[in-house]
Amino acid sequence: MLIRMASATLNAGESIVPESASPKAFRNQAVDAYRGLVMLLMMGEVLRFADVSKALPGNWFWSVLAYHQTHVEWAGCSLHDMIQPSFSFLVGVALPYSIASRRAKGQEPGKLFLHALWRSFLLVALGILLRSTSSQITNFTFEDTLTQIGLGYPILFLVGWFARQRWQRIALGAILLAYWAAWAFYPAPGPNFNWAAVGVPPDWNVAHNFSGFASHWNKNSNLGNAFDQWFLNLFPRLSPFSYNGGGYLTLSFIPTLGTMILGLIAGEWTRTVPPRQAIRKYLVAAVAGVALGLLLHFTGICPVVKRIWTPAWTLFSGGVCFLFLAAFTWIIEVRNWRKWAFPLVVVGMNSIAAYLIAHLWEGFIVRTLHTNLGPGFFGFFGAALLPFFEGAAVLGIFWLCLYWLYKNKVFIRI
């Protein structure tokens, strides 16, 4: 990990301008703002909409906010579910800029691939370390955002460096089709399957598990969980691994790579064609992705499930990512409405710092506020809204820290 002074970077990805340029050089502000929104949604968990909604039953406003600040239990999508695919997608968007810059400098692909491997190692290691902050021993899991990106990043680099767009699309289709086929040919759970052994209660079976062909993608009874029961037990553990409570999987990095390749395609359009033309391409890709994902879901060929990152989810969420990119590009690059996006850009230009702050600082800041202001200080509009206003104060402190880094031209990159 590097801390660079006066360098413009795309964190957890590649530079969008040459590394020698300053942040004041031209940048695609739409991409920075989109990334900033993604990180703000992640940091915004401190607003605790679910706690407020629970304290105010029947209030539709807080119920809607709570729904979109939590992951859906299995099939479907909330706004919160779009954080990880957007972050992965934007890694792909950034890569064509870096490749073009490095080619212009005459850098050798062999050395750059070694650099991609090093970046991959750092992302995986950082993800594991953050997952281990509350553990007695190192928590070797590979399903979080950073490790998933890190596992697929070397392949993304190879696709971006060597493949033209036509072959990038072929690579995307081959990855998703092969992954779908592997799951489809893995035996579906039978009538005597021991659901309790993999942490699936009877009420979940009734409410969320699929029947028929789609049952190949049921929770903790699939190819991905079988792989993790072997793979994760190769590492030191306090107890043998049997299942992930949320259904998350190591192998999801493969379809996540598909999400990054979609971003790679979008990034090439962003880099090479005028904004209005790029928007038309984004919208066509958005409609195609969402429609194909829903078609696969409702025909039972492959459900849209974020937690196990099904190929249908890759297509559906990728389409939504294209929609976000189209909206930000139209507002910022076409209409030239830029000032409003500044708070997002501050966050988006330092996404690794934002990720670390959100994961490591919340408890310290909350304890500090309680010590100096009292635990009930933010209850001035009632106990039900206290979690929201306390969270708003924490989120404001997060942003001020990122603003200080921005003003002092400190940008953390991997």
Protein backbone atom coordinates (compact mmCIF):
# COMPACT_ATOMS: atom_id res chain seq x y z
CA MET A 1 0.00 0.00 0.00
CA LEU A 2 1.28 3.43 -0.88
CA ILE A 3 0.42 6.89 0.41
CA ARG A 4 1.01 9.32 -2.42
CA MET A 5 1.17 13.08 -2.07
CA ALA A 6 -0.36 15.07 -4.92
CA SER A 7 -1.18 12.06 -7.06
CA ALA A 8 -4.52 11.33 -8.65
CA THR A 9 -5.52 7.75 -8.17
CA LEU A 10 -8.39 5.35 -8.40
CA ASN A 11 -8.17 3.39 -5.19
CA ALA A 12 -8.45 -0.39 -5.36
CA GLY A 13 -7.97 0.07 -9.07
CA GLU A 14 -5.78 2.06 -11.41
CA SER A 15 -4.89 5.67 -12.01
CA ILE A 16 -7.35 7.49 -14.21
CA VAL A 17 -4.64 9.95 -15.21
CA PRO A 18 -0.88 9.38 -15.43
CA GLU A 19 0.68 8.95 -12.01
CA SER A 20 2.80 12.07 -12.44
CA ALA A 21 -0.31 14.23 -12.79
CA SER A 22 -1.82 16.16 -9.92
CA PRO A 23 -5.45 15.88 -8.77
CA LYS A 24 -6.06 19.22 -10.49
CA ALA A 25 -5.34 17.62 -13.88
CA PHE A 26 -8.34 16.55 -15.94
CA ARG A 27 -10.28 13.70 -14.41
CA ASN A 28 -13.58 12.17 -15.31
CA GLN A 29 -15.48 13.65 -12.42
CA ALA A 30 -18.52 11.48 -13.15
CA VAL A 31 -16.51 8.36 -12.27
CA ASP A 32 -15.15 9.99 -9.10
CA ALA A 33 -18.66 11.06 -8.05
CA TYR A 34 -20.11 7.61 -8.70
CA ARG A 35 -17.35 6.03 -6.63
CA GLY A 36 -17.96 8.61 -3.93
CA LEU A 37 -21.65 7.72 -3.80
CA VAL A 38 -20.76 4.03 -3.46
CA MET A 39 -18.38 4.68 -0.58
CA LEU A 40 -20.85 7.08 1.06
CA LEU A 41 -23.52 4.37 0.96
CA MET A 42 -21.08 2.02 2.65
CA MET A 43 -20.04 4.56 5.31
CA GLY A 44 -23.71 5.52 5.70
CA GLU A 45 -24.41 2.29 7.56
CA VAL A 46 -23.64 4.35 10.68
CA LEU A 47 -26.99 6.14 10.15
CA ARG A 48 -28.69 2.95 11.40
CA PHE A 49 -31.95 3.30 9.50
CA ALA A 50 -32.99 -0.20 10.56
CA ASP A 51 -32.79 0.73 14.25
CA VAL A 52 -34.92 3.83 13.66
CA SER A 53 -37.44 1.85 11.63
CA LYS A 54 -37.71 -0.74 14.39
CA ALA A 55 -38.34 2.02 16.93
CA LEU A 56 -41.01 3.59 14.67
CA PRO A 57 -43.08 0.61 13.43
CA GLY A 58 -45.44 1.39 10.58
CA ASN A 59 -43.52 4.45 9.40
CA TRP A 60 -43.14 3.86 5.64
CA PHE A 61 -40.38 6.48 5.21
CA TRP A 62 -37.97 4.82 7.63
CA SER A 63 -39.02 1.36 6.44
CA VAL A 64 -37.98 2.21 2.88
CA LEU A 65 -34.67 3.67 4.07
CA ALA A 66 -34.05 0.61 6.26
CA TYR A 67 -34.77 -1.77 3.38
CA HIS A 68 -32.26 -0.02 1.13
CA GLN A 69 -29.58 0.03 3.83
CA THR A 70 -29.64 -3.74 4.29
CA HIS A 71 -28.92 -6.67 1.99
CA VAL A 72 -31.91 -8.66 0.78
CA GLU A 73 -32.03 -12.07 2.41
CA TRP A 74 -31.54 -14.02 -0.82
CA ALA A 75 -33.06 -13.26 -4.24
CA GLY A 76 -33.62 -9.67 -5.30
CA CYS A 77 -31.83 -6.36 -4.86
CA SER A 78 -31.73 -3.31 -2.60
CA LEU A 79 -29.63 -0.17 -3.01
CA HIS A 80 -27.25 -1.57 -0.40
CA ASP A 81 -26.73 -4.64 -2.56
CA MET A 82 -25.31 -2.40 -5.28
CA ILE A 83 -22.31 -1.24 -3.22
CA GLN A 84 -20.02 -4.20 -3.89
CA PRO A 85 -20.84 -4.62 -7.59
CA SER A 86 -20.41 -0.87 -8.15
CA PHE A 87 -17.02 -0.88 -6.41
CA SER A 88 -15.94 -3.88 -8.51
CA PHE A 89 -17.35 -2.35 -11.71
CA LEU A 90 -15.43 0.89 -11.13
CA VAL A 91 -12.16 -1.01 -10.72
CA GLY A 92 -12.73 -2.18 -14.27
CA VAL A 93 -13.67 1.32 -15.47
CA ALA A 94 -10.32 2.68 -14.25
CA LEU A 95 -8.11 0.05 -15.82
CA PRO A 96 -8.16 1.23 -19.49
CA TYR A 97 -6.78 4.62 -18.40
CA SER A 98 -3.86 3.01 -16.65
CA ILE A 99 -3.18 0.61 -19.52
CA ALA A 100 -3.14 3.47 -22.03
CA SER A 101 -0.79 5.47 -19.80
CA ARG A 102 1.60 2.57 -19.25
CA ARG A 103 1.64 1.65 -22.93
CA ALA A 104 2.52 5.26 -23.77
CA LYS A 105 5.46 4.98 -21.39
CA GLY A 106 6.63 1.77 -23.07
CA GLN A 107 6.33 -0.35 -19.92
CA GLU A 108 6.69 -4.11 -20.36
CA PRO A 109 3.60 -6.27 -19.80
CA GLY A 110 5.59 -8.90 -17.85
CA LYS A 111 6.64 -6.43 -15.18
CA LEU A 112 3.17 -4.92 -15.10
CA PHE A 113 1.64 -8.35 -14.57
CA LEU A 114 3.95 -8.90 -11.60
CA HIS A 115 2.75 -5.55 -10.29
CA ALA A 116 -0.86 -6.74 -10.77
CA LEU A 117 -0.05 -9.86 -8.75
CA TRP A 118 1.43 -7.72 -5.98
CA ARG A 119 -1.65 -5.50 -5.98
CA SER A 120 -3.81 -8.61 -5.83
CA PHE A 121 -1.89 -9.90 -2.81
CA LEU A 122 -2.24 -6.57 -1.00
CA LEU A 123 -5.99 -6.42 -1.60
CA VAL A 124 -6.51 -9.98 -0.37
CA ALA A 125 -4.26 -9.45 2.66
CA LEU A 126 -5.98 -6.18 3.59
CA GLY A 127 -9.40 -7.81 3.32
CA ILE A 128 -8.32 -10.66 5.60
CA LEU A 129 -6.75 -8.29 8.13
CA LEU A 130 -9.90 -6.16 8.30
CA ARG A 131 -11.98 -9.31 8.76
CA SER A 132 -9.69 -10.36 11.61
CA THR A 133 -9.86 -7.21 13.77
CA SER A 134 -12.29 -8.83 16.24
CA SER A 135 -11.01 -12.40 15.94
CA GLN A 136 -8.77 -14.39 18.27
CA ILE A 137 -6.75 -15.60 15.28
CA THR A 138 -6.44 -14.56 11.65
CA ASN A 139 -9.84 -14.99 10.02
CA PHE A 140 -9.07 -16.55 6.66
CA THR A 141 -12.19 -15.75 4.64
CA PHE A 142 -12.28 -14.54 1.05
CA GLU A 143 -15.82 -13.33 0.44
CA ASP A 144 -15.48 -9.61 1.25
CA THR A 145 -15.16 -6.85 -1.34
CA LEU A 146 -11.38 -6.40 -1.24
CA THR A 147 -10.46 -10.09 -1.34
CA GLN A 148 -12.96 -10.78 -4.13
CA ILE A 149 -11.47 -7.99 -6.25
CA GLY A 150 -7.94 -9.08 -5.38
CA LEU A 151 -8.53 -12.70 -6.42
CA GLY A 152 -9.81 -11.69 -9.84
CA TYR A 153 -7.58 -8.69 -10.50
CA PRO A 154 -4.63 -10.46 -12.25
CA ILE A 155 -7.03 -12.02 -14.77
CA LEU A 156 -8.73 -8.65 -15.26
CA PHE A 157 -5.34 -7.12 -16.05
CA LEU A 158 -4.58 -9.82 -18.62
CA VAL A 159 -7.98 -9.37 -20.29
CA GLY A 160 -7.56 -5.58 -20.29
CA TRP A 161 -4.00 -5.64 -21.62
CA PHE A 162 -4.23 -8.31 -24.31
CA ALA A 163 -7.88 -8.50 -25.40
CA ARG A 164 -9.73 -6.12 -27.68
CA GLN A 165 -13.33 -5.30 -26.76
CA ARG A 166 -14.76 -8.14 -28.85
CA TRP A 167 -12.59 -10.65 -27.01
CA GLN A 168 -13.36 -9.00 -23.69
CA ARG A 169 -17.04 -9.72 -24.33
CA ILE A 170 -16.23 -13.28 -25.35
CA ALA A 171 -14.19 -13.70 -22.14
CA LEU A 172 -17.12 -12.35 -20.12
CA GLY A 173 -19.56 -14.76 -21.75
CA ALA A 174 -17.19 -17.73 -21.35
CA ILE A 175 -16.59 -17.01 -17.65
CA LEU A 176 -20.28 -16.67 -16.83
CA LEU A 177 -21.34 -19.66 -18.92
CA ALA A 178 -18.65 -21.95 -17.50
CA TYR A 179 -19.46 -20.86 -13.94
CA TRP A 180 -23.18 -21.40 -14.52
CA ALA A 181 -22.53 -24.85 -15.99
CA ALA A 182 -20.35 -25.88 -13.05
CA TRP A 183 -23.18 -25.06 -10.65
CA ALA A 184 -25.83 -26.58 -12.88
CA PHE A 185 -24.01 -29.93 -13.05
CA TYR A 186 -23.28 -30.01 -9.31
CA PRO A 187 -25.98 -32.13 -7.60
CA ALA A 188 -28.90 -30.14 -6.23
CA PRO A 189 -29.92 -30.87 -2.62
CA GLY A 190 -32.20 -33.91 -2.41
CA PRO A 191 -35.23 -34.48 -0.16
CA ASN A 192 -33.03 -35.88 2.63
CA PHE A 193 -30.49 -33.06 2.59
CA ASN A 194 -29.44 -32.02 6.12
CA TRP A 195 -30.26 -28.31 6.09
CA ALA A 196 -29.57 -27.85 9.79
CA ALA A 197 -25.94 -28.93 9.26
CA VAL A 198 -25.37 -25.94 6.97
CA GLY A 199 -27.22 -23.40 9.09
CA VAL A 200 -30.45 -23.22 7.09
CA PRO A 201 -33.57 -23.25 9.34
CA PRO A 202 -36.91 -24.71 8.19
CA ASP A 203 -38.58 -21.30 7.82
CA TRP A 204 -35.79 -20.18 5.46
CA ASN A 205 -36.36 -23.32 3.39
CA VAL A 206 -39.99 -22.35 2.93
CA ALA A 207 -39.46 -18.63 2.35
CA HIS A 208 -36.31 -18.45 0.21
CA ASN A 209 -35.16 -21.77 -1.20
CA PHE A 210 -35.89 -22.45 -4.86
CA SER A 211 -37.47 -25.59 -6.28
CA GLY A 212 -36.78 -27.34 -9.55
CA PHE A 213 -33.68 -26.50 -11.57
CA ALA A 214 -33.09 -23.25 -9.66
CA SER A 215 -32.46 -25.28 -6.48
CA HIS A 216 -28.85 -25.61 -7.64
CA TRP A 217 -28.48 -22.07 -6.26
CA ASN A 218 -30.01 -22.63 -2.80
CA LYS A 219 -28.23 -21.42 0.30
CA ASN A 220 -25.24 -23.45 1.56
CA SER A 221 -26.20 -26.53 -0.46
CA ASN A 222 -24.34 -25.57 -3.61
CA LEU A 223 -20.99 -25.97 -5.35
CA GLY A 224 -19.57 -22.86 -3.71
CA ASN A 225 -20.23 -24.07 -0.17
CA ALA A 226 -18.80 -27.50 -0.97
CA PHE A 227 -15.64 -25.79 -2.22
CA ASP A 228 -15.36 -23.68 0.94
CA GLN A 229 -15.84 -26.71 3.18
CA TRP A 230 -12.62 -28.02 1.61
CA PHE A 231 -10.71 -24.81 0.91
CA LEU A 232 -11.29 -22.80 4.09
CA ASN A 233 -10.41 -25.77 6.28
CA LEU A 234 -6.91 -25.71 4.81
CA PHE A 235 -6.27 -22.64 6.99
CA PRO A 236 -5.94 -22.44 10.80
CA ARG A 237 -9.40 -22.10 12.38
CA LEU A 238 -10.84 -22.16 15.88
CA SER A 239 -13.44 -24.66 14.64
CA PRO A 240 -13.95 -26.48 11.32
CA PHE A 241 -15.73 -24.47 8.63
CA SER A 242 -19.15 -25.82 7.67
CA TYR A 243 -20.96 -22.82 6.21
CA ASN A 244 -21.09 -19.03 6.04
CA GLY A 245 -24.10 -17.68 7.91
CA GLY A 246 -24.90 -15.23 5.13
CA GLY A 247 -24.31 -17.75 2.36
CA TYR A 248 -21.29 -15.83 1.00
CA LEU A 249 -18.66 -17.78 -0.92
CA THR A 250 -15.01 -17.66 -1.98
CA LEU A 251 -15.81 -18.74 -5.54
CA SER A 252 -17.92 -15.64 -6.04
CA PHE A 253 -14.71 -13.93 -7.16
CA ILE A 254 -15.22 -15.63 -10.56
CA PRO A 255 -18.53 -13.95 -11.48
CA THR A 256 -17.25 -10.81 -9.70
CA LEU A 257 -14.49 -10.85 -12.31
CA GLY A 258 -17.34 -10.70 -14.83
CA THR A 259 -18.58 -7.51 -13.14
CA MET A 260 -15.09 -6.03 -13.41
CA ILE A 261 -14.90 -6.95 -17.11
CA LEU A 262 -18.19 -5.12 -17.65
CA GLY A 263 -16.50 -2.13 -16.01
CA LEU A 264 -13.48 -2.64 -18.27
CA ILE A 265 -15.73 -2.38 -21.33
CA ALA A 266 -17.41 0.72 -19.89
CA GLY A 267 -14.03 2.28 -19.11
CA GLU A 268 -12.87 1.90 -22.70
CA TRP A 269 -16.01 3.68 -23.88
CA THR A 270 -15.52 6.37 -21.24
CA ARG A 271 -11.93 6.91 -22.35
CA THR A 272 -12.34 6.85 -26.12
CA VAL A 273 -15.72 8.32 -27.12
CA PRO A 274 -17.51 11.62 -26.36
CA PRO A 275 -19.79 11.60 -23.31
CA ARG A 276 -23.08 11.67 -25.24
CA GLN A 277 -22.04 8.72 -27.37
CA ALA A 278 -20.75 6.89 -24.30
CA ILE A 279 -24.10 7.41 -22.57
CA ARG A 280 -25.93 5.76 -25.46
CA LYS A 281 -23.63 2.76 -25.17
CA TYR A 282 -24.11 2.65 -21.38
CA LEU A 283 -27.89 2.67 -21.76
CA VAL A 284 -27.91 -0.14 -24.32
CA ALA A 285 -25.67 -2.22 -22.04
CA ALA A 286 -27.86 -1.35 -19.04
CA VAL A 287 -31.08 -2.47 -20.68
CA ALA A 288 -29.45 -5.65 -22.02
CA GLY A 289 -27.90 -6.56 -18.65
CA VAL A 290 -31.00 -5.95 -16.55
CA ALA A 291 -33.32 -7.64 -19.05
CA LEU A 292 -31.13 -10.71 -19.47
CA GLY A 293 -30.59 -11.07 -15.74
CA LEU A 294 -34.34 -10.90 -15.06
CA LEU A 295 -35.07 -13.31 -17.93
CA LEU A 296 -32.68 -15.88 -16.45
CA HIS A 297 -34.24 -15.37 -13.02
CA PHE A 298 -37.91 -15.68 -13.95
CA THR A 299 -37.35 -18.65 -16.27
CA GLY A 300 -35.57 -20.48 -13.44
CA ILE A 301 -32.39 -20.87 -15.49
CA CYS A 302 -30.33 -18.87 -12.98
CA PRO A 303 -31.71 -16.74 -10.12
CA VAL A 304 -30.58 -13.21 -9.30
CA VAL A 305 -28.82 -13.68 -5.94
CA LYS A 306 -26.16 -11.25 -4.82
CA ARG A 307 -24.91 -13.25 -1.83
CA ILE A 308 -23.60 -16.03 -4.07
CA TRP A 309 -23.04 -13.68 -7.06
CA THR A 310 -24.87 -15.78 -9.62
CA PRO A 311 -24.18 -15.10 -13.32
CA ALA A 312 -27.68 -13.63 -13.51
CA TRP A 313 -26.71 -11.24 -10.68
CA THR A 314 -23.56 -10.26 -12.60
CA LEU A 315 -25.67 -9.28 -15.60
CA PHE A 316 -28.47 -7.62 -13.62
CA SER A 317 -26.23 -5.62 -11.26
CA GLY A 318 -23.86 -4.79 -14.13
CA GLY A 319 -26.79 -3.28 -15.99
CA VAL A 320 -27.67 -1.18 -12.96
CA CYS A 321 -24.02 -0.04 -12.74
CA PHE A 322 -24.22 1.11 -16.36
CA LEU A 323 -27.35 3.09 -15.45
CA PHE A 324 -25.56 4.81 -12.57
CA LEU A 325 -22.60 5.64 -14.82
CA ALA A 326 -24.93 6.99 -17.50
CA ALA A 327 -26.73 9.21 -14.98
CA PHE A 328 -23.53 10.64 -13.50
CA THR A 329 -22.03 11.18 -16.94
CA TRP A 330 -25.10 13.02 -18.21
CA ILE A 331 -25.38 15.27 -15.16
CA ILE A 332 -21.67 16.06 -14.77
CA GLU A 333 -19.98 15.61 -18.14
CA VAL A 334 -22.86 16.59 -20.46
CA ARG A 335 -24.88 19.11 -18.42
CA ASN A 336 -21.72 20.30 -16.66
CA TRP A 337 -23.43 20.44 -13.26
CA ARG A 338 -20.35 19.81 -11.15
CA LYS A 339 -20.40 21.81 -7.92
CA TRP A 340 -23.06 19.64 -6.26
CA ALA A 341 -20.84 16.57 -6.68
CA PHE A 342 -17.89 17.95 -4.69
CA PRO A 343 -18.75 16.09 -1.43
CA LEU A 344 -18.90 12.85 -3.41
CA VAL A 345 -15.65 13.55 -5.27
CA VAL A 346 -13.81 14.09 -1.96
CA VAL A 347 -14.82 10.58 -0.94
CA GLY A 348 -14.43 9.00 -4.36
CA MET A 349 -10.85 10.15 -4.85
CA ASN A 350 -9.79 8.38 -1.65
CA SER A 351 -11.89 5.23 -1.64
CA ILE A 352 -9.35 2.98 0.11
CA ALA A 353 -9.04 5.57 2.89
CA ALA A 354 -12.84 5.72 3.10
CA TYR A 355 -13.01 1.92 3.28
CA LEU A 356 -10.48 1.80 6.11
CA ILE A 357 -12.09 4.65 8.03
CA ALA A 358 -15.52 3.01 7.85
CA HIS A 359 -14.19 -0.34 9.05
CA LEU A 360 -11.79 0.82 11.74
CA TRP A 361 -12.86 4.17 13.17
CA GLU A 362 -16.58 3.94 13.89
CA GLY A 363 -16.24 2.38 17.34
CA PHE A 364 -13.53 4.83 18.42
CA ILE A 365 -15.52 7.87 17.27
CA VAL A 366 -18.74 6.69 18.91
CA ARG A 367 -16.96 6.00 22.21
CA THR A 368 -15.31 9.42 22.06
CA LEU A 369 -18.65 11.14 21.46
CA HIS A 370 -20.25 9.22 24.34
CA THR A 371 -17.36 10.07 26.68
CA ASN A 372 -17.37 13.78 25.93
CA LEU A 373 -21.02 14.49 25.13
CA GLY A 374 -22.82 11.68 26.91
CA PRO A 375 -24.54 8.63 25.37
CA GLY A 376 -27.89 10.41 25.17
CA PHE A 377 -26.66 13.68 23.66
CA PHE A 378 -28.15 13.06 20.22
CA GLY A 379 -31.59 12.21 21.57
CA PHE A 380 -32.86 15.80 21.29
CA PHE A 381 -35.60 14.67 18.84
CA GLY A 382 -36.47 11.59 20.85
CA ALA A 383 -34.89 8.24 21.59
CA ALA A 384 -36.16 6.72 18.33
CA LEU A 385 -34.12 9.13 16.21
CA LEU A 386 -31.00 9.07 18.40
CA PRO A 387 -29.24 6.39 16.28
CA PHE A 388 -29.76 8.48 13.13
CA PHE A 389 -28.43 11.76 14.52
CA GLU A 390 -25.52 10.07 16.27
CA GLY A 391 -24.71 8.28 13.01
CA ALA A 392 -24.96 11.57 11.10
CA ALA A 393 -22.35 13.05 13.43
CA VAL A 394 -20.06 10.04 12.87
CA LEU A 395 -20.57 10.24 9.10
CA GLY A 396 -19.75 13.95 9.18
CA ILE A 397 -16.51 13.23 11.01
CA PHE A 398 -15.66 10.55 8.43
CA TRP A 399 -16.15 13.09 5.63
CA LEU A 400 -14.14 15.81 7.36
CA CYS A 401 -11.22 13.38 7.71
CA LEU A 402 -11.41 12.62 3.99
CA TYR A 403 -11.68 16.33 3.21
CA TRP A 404 -8.50 16.97 5.20
CA LEU A 405 -6.72 14.29 3.15
CA TYR A 406 -8.10 15.83 -0.05
CA LYS A 407 -7.00 19.36 0.86
CA ASN A 408 -3.54 18.12 1.77
CA LYS A 409 -3.31 16.04 -1.42
CA VAL A 410 -2.90 12.74 0.42
CA PHE A 411 -4.34 9.83 -1.53
CA ILE A 412 -3.99 6.21 -0.44
CA ARG A 413 -3.70 3.66 -3.21
CA ILE A 414 -2.96 -0.03 -3.56
